[in-house]
Amino acid sequence: MATIILEPTQQHIVCLRKIRLARTLRRIAETLGEQDDAEFAYYENAISRNIDDLHWDEKEQVQ
């Protein structure tokens, strides 16, 4: 199986898509009253923190 290597910009886009997916699933679960599925908020926050850790430029104060 071939390994796919993504450029940093592509990695950033993939992470943002995952955040949007987690956010959408969390909102659907909340709307349906499925509190057990509220764990999507955890994933949404975890992915956001990972983006900050991997892509935040402290010197420039930008991602």
Protein backbone atom coordinates (compact mmCIF):
# COMPACT_ATOMS: atom_id res chain seq x y z
CA MET A 1 0.00 0.00 0.00
CA ALA A 2 1.40 3.39 -1.01
CA THR A 3 2.01 6.05 1.60
CA ILE A 4 0.46 9.43 0.87
CA ILE A 5 2.48 12.40 2.07
CA LEU A 6 0.50 15.61 2.44
CA GLU A 7 1.96 19.08 2.34
CA PRO A 8 1.38 21.26 5.42
CA THR A 9 -1.41 23.20 3.70
CA GLN A 10 -3.15 19.95 2.78
CA GLN A 11 -2.76 18.68 6.35
CA HIS A 12 -4.35 21.88 7.62
CA ILE A 13 -7.32 21.46 5.28
CA VAL A 14 -7.80 17.84 6.37
CA CYS A 15 -7.81 18.91 10.03
CA LEU A 16 -10.33 21.68 9.37
CA ARG A 17 -12.61 19.20 7.60
CA LYS A 18 -12.40 16.86 10.59
CA ILE A 19 -13.34 19.72 12.92
CA ARG A 20 -16.35 20.56 10.76
CA LEU A 21 -17.42 16.91 10.68
CA ALA A 22 -17.11 16.56 14.47
CA ARG A 23 -18.99 19.84 14.98
CA THR A 24 -21.78 18.77 12.62
CA LEU A 25 -22.13 15.36 14.29
CA ARG A 26 -22.19 17.02 17.73
CA ARG A 27 -24.91 19.43 16.65
CA ILE A 28 -27.00 16.62 15.17
CA ALA A 29 -26.62 14.60 18.38
CA GLU A 30 -27.60 17.62 20.50
CA THR A 31 -30.62 18.35 18.28
CA LEU A 32 -31.77 14.74 18.60
CA GLY A 33 -31.20 14.79 22.36
CA GLU A 34 -28.52 12.11 22.15
CA GLN A 35 -26.33 13.23 25.04
CA ASP A 36 -24.28 10.02 24.84
CA ASP A 37 -22.94 11.25 21.51
CA ALA A 38 -21.78 14.52 22.99
CA GLU A 39 -18.27 13.04 22.87
CA PHE A 40 -17.99 14.68 19.46
CA ALA A 41 -17.33 17.94 21.35
CA TYR A 42 -14.25 16.24 22.84
CA TYR A 43 -12.99 15.33 19.35
CA GLU A 44 -13.76 18.80 18.03
CA ASN A 45 -11.67 20.36 20.82
CA ALA A 46 -8.87 17.80 20.47
CA ILE A 47 -8.52 18.42 16.74
CA SER A 48 -8.55 22.18 17.30
CA ARG A 49 -5.75 21.87 19.86
CA ASN A 50 -3.75 19.68 17.47
CA ILE A 51 -4.06 22.29 14.73
CA ASP A 52 -2.79 24.95 17.13
CA ASP A 53 0.07 22.73 18.31
CA LEU A 54 1.15 21.76 14.81
CA HIS A 55 0.49 24.90 12.83
CA TRP A 56 0.67 27.87 15.19
CA ASP A 57 3.60 30.18 14.55
CA GLU A 58 4.33 31.85 17.88
CA LYS A 59 6.62 34.44 16.33
CA GLU A 60 4.11 35.50 13.65
CA GLN A 61 1.03 34.83 15.82
CA VAL A 62 -0.71 33.09 12.89
CA GLN A 63 -1.49 29.61 11.70
